[in-house]
Amino acid sequence: MIPRSTTTCLIAVLAVLPLLAVAAPRARADGPAATACAAQLPKDAQAIFSATLPQLGPNADLRALVTANTRALASSGTIDRGGARDSAMSAAKCLRLAGS
């Protein structure tokens, strides 16, 4: 049986997925801009950014990567479950700058 707090976290993460899909079209990859953006993020969003960045590639599904990494970090207690959705959205904004 999954604890109620974990279920609530997963529902929150799943709720953010459609918002990540409504991203502006990506331009050229801009690693320095993404890194500068990430430096301004709160600690939990930085953790999601750091876990996801190495997995980005030309055909990567940003939404799936952010979701999987956010779930893993929240489940392990690395990030706050209550703020997982906001952290994922913030990290995704910076990750879009790094995307190709």
Protein backbone atom coordinates (compact mmCIF):
# COMPACT_ATOMS: atom_id res chain seq x y z
CA MET A 1 0.00 0.00 0.00
CA ILE A 2 1.31 3.44 -0.93
CA PRO A 3 1.29 6.04 1.86
CA ARG A 4 -1.21 8.85 1.37
CA SER A 5 1.51 11.52 1.24
CA THR A 6 3.26 9.70 -1.61
CA THR A 7 0.00 9.41 -3.50
CA THR A 8 -0.68 13.11 -3.02
CA CYS A 9 2.80 13.93 -4.31
CA LEU A 10 2.37 11.77 -7.37
CA ILE A 11 -0.98 13.37 -8.13
CA ALA A 12 0.62 16.80 -7.87
CA VAL A 13 3.45 15.79 -10.21
CA LEU A 14 0.99 14.33 -12.69
CA ALA A 15 -1.05 17.53 -12.57
CA VAL A 16 1.94 19.54 -13.79
CA LEU A 17 2.54 17.39 -16.86
CA PRO A 18 0.15 19.25 -19.16
CA LEU A 19 1.77 22.53 -18.17
CA LEU A 20 5.19 21.25 -19.20
CA ALA A 21 3.82 20.24 -22.60
CA VAL A 22 2.78 23.82 -23.34
CA ALA A 23 6.33 24.97 -23.80
CA ALA A 24 7.49 27.52 -26.28
CA PRO A 25 9.28 26.02 -29.26
CA ARG A 26 12.91 25.40 -28.50
CA ALA A 27 15.57 27.42 -30.18
CA ARG A 28 19.25 26.59 -30.12
CA ALA A 29 20.65 24.86 -27.08
CA ASP A 30 22.04 27.38 -24.64
CA GLY A 31 23.95 25.63 -21.87
CA PRO A 32 25.34 28.76 -20.18
CA ALA A 33 21.90 30.39 -20.06
CA ALA A 34 20.42 27.20 -18.60
CA THR A 35 23.14 27.04 -15.96
CA ALA A 36 22.65 30.71 -15.07
CA CYS A 37 18.90 30.14 -14.84
CA ALA A 38 19.39 27.09 -12.60
CA ALA A 39 21.65 29.05 -10.26
CA GLN A 40 18.66 31.25 -9.40
CA LEU A 41 16.37 28.30 -8.60
CA PRO A 42 15.39 27.17 -5.10
CA LYS A 43 17.26 24.13 -3.77
CA ASP A 44 14.61 21.54 -4.71
CA ALA A 45 14.25 22.86 -8.26
CA GLN A 46 18.04 22.81 -8.60
CA ALA A 47 18.02 19.14 -7.59
CA ILE A 48 15.48 18.34 -10.32
CA PHE A 49 17.48 20.38 -12.84
CA SER A 50 20.73 18.61 -11.91
CA ALA A 51 19.15 15.17 -12.11
CA THR A 52 17.51 15.85 -15.48
CA LEU A 53 20.16 17.85 -17.37
CA PRO A 54 22.52 14.91 -18.09
CA GLN A 55 19.59 12.97 -19.57
CA LEU A 56 18.63 15.62 -22.12
CA GLY A 57 19.37 14.74 -25.71
CA PRO A 58 18.14 15.66 -29.17
CA ASN A 59 15.02 13.51 -28.96
CA ALA A 60 14.51 13.61 -25.19
CA ASP A 61 11.01 13.95 -23.79
CA LEU A 62 11.48 16.78 -21.30
CA ARG A 63 8.13 16.19 -19.64
CA ALA A 64 8.83 12.50 -19.06
CA LEU A 65 12.33 13.16 -17.75
CA VAL A 66 11.24 15.90 -15.34
CA THR A 67 8.34 13.76 -14.11
CA ALA A 68 10.48 10.68 -13.54
CA ASN A 69 13.23 12.60 -11.78
CA THR A 70 10.79 14.59 -9.65
CA ARG A 71 9.04 11.41 -8.55
CA ALA A 72 12.32 9.73 -7.70
CA LEU A 73 13.61 12.72 -5.72
CA ALA A 74 10.31 13.17 -3.87
CA SER A 75 9.99 9.48 -3.08
CA SER A 76 13.52 9.36 -1.69
CA GLY A 77 12.90 12.44 0.45
CA THR A 78 15.54 14.48 -1.36
CA ILE A 79 12.99 17.18 -2.23
CA ASP A 80 9.87 18.33 -0.43
CA ARG A 81 6.83 16.45 -1.69
CA GLY A 82 4.51 19.38 -1.07
CA GLY A 83 6.52 21.66 -3.32
CA ALA A 84 7.40 19.08 -5.96
CA ARG A 85 5.04 20.51 -8.56
CA ASP A 86 6.34 24.07 -8.29
CA SER A 87 9.93 22.86 -8.24
CA ALA A 88 9.37 20.74 -11.35
CA MET A 89 7.85 23.68 -13.21
CA SER A 90 10.73 25.95 -12.26
CA ALA A 91 13.34 23.39 -13.24
CA ALA A 92 11.59 22.76 -16.57
CA LYS A 93 11.85 26.45 -17.48
CA CYS A 94 15.63 26.30 -17.14
CA LEU A 95 15.89 22.89 -18.77
CA ARG A 96 14.12 24.22 -21.85
CA LEU A 97 17.05 26.60 -22.30
CA ALA A 98 19.42 23.63 -22.38
CA GLY A 99 17.26 21.57 -24.75
CA SER A 100 18.18 21.15 -28.35
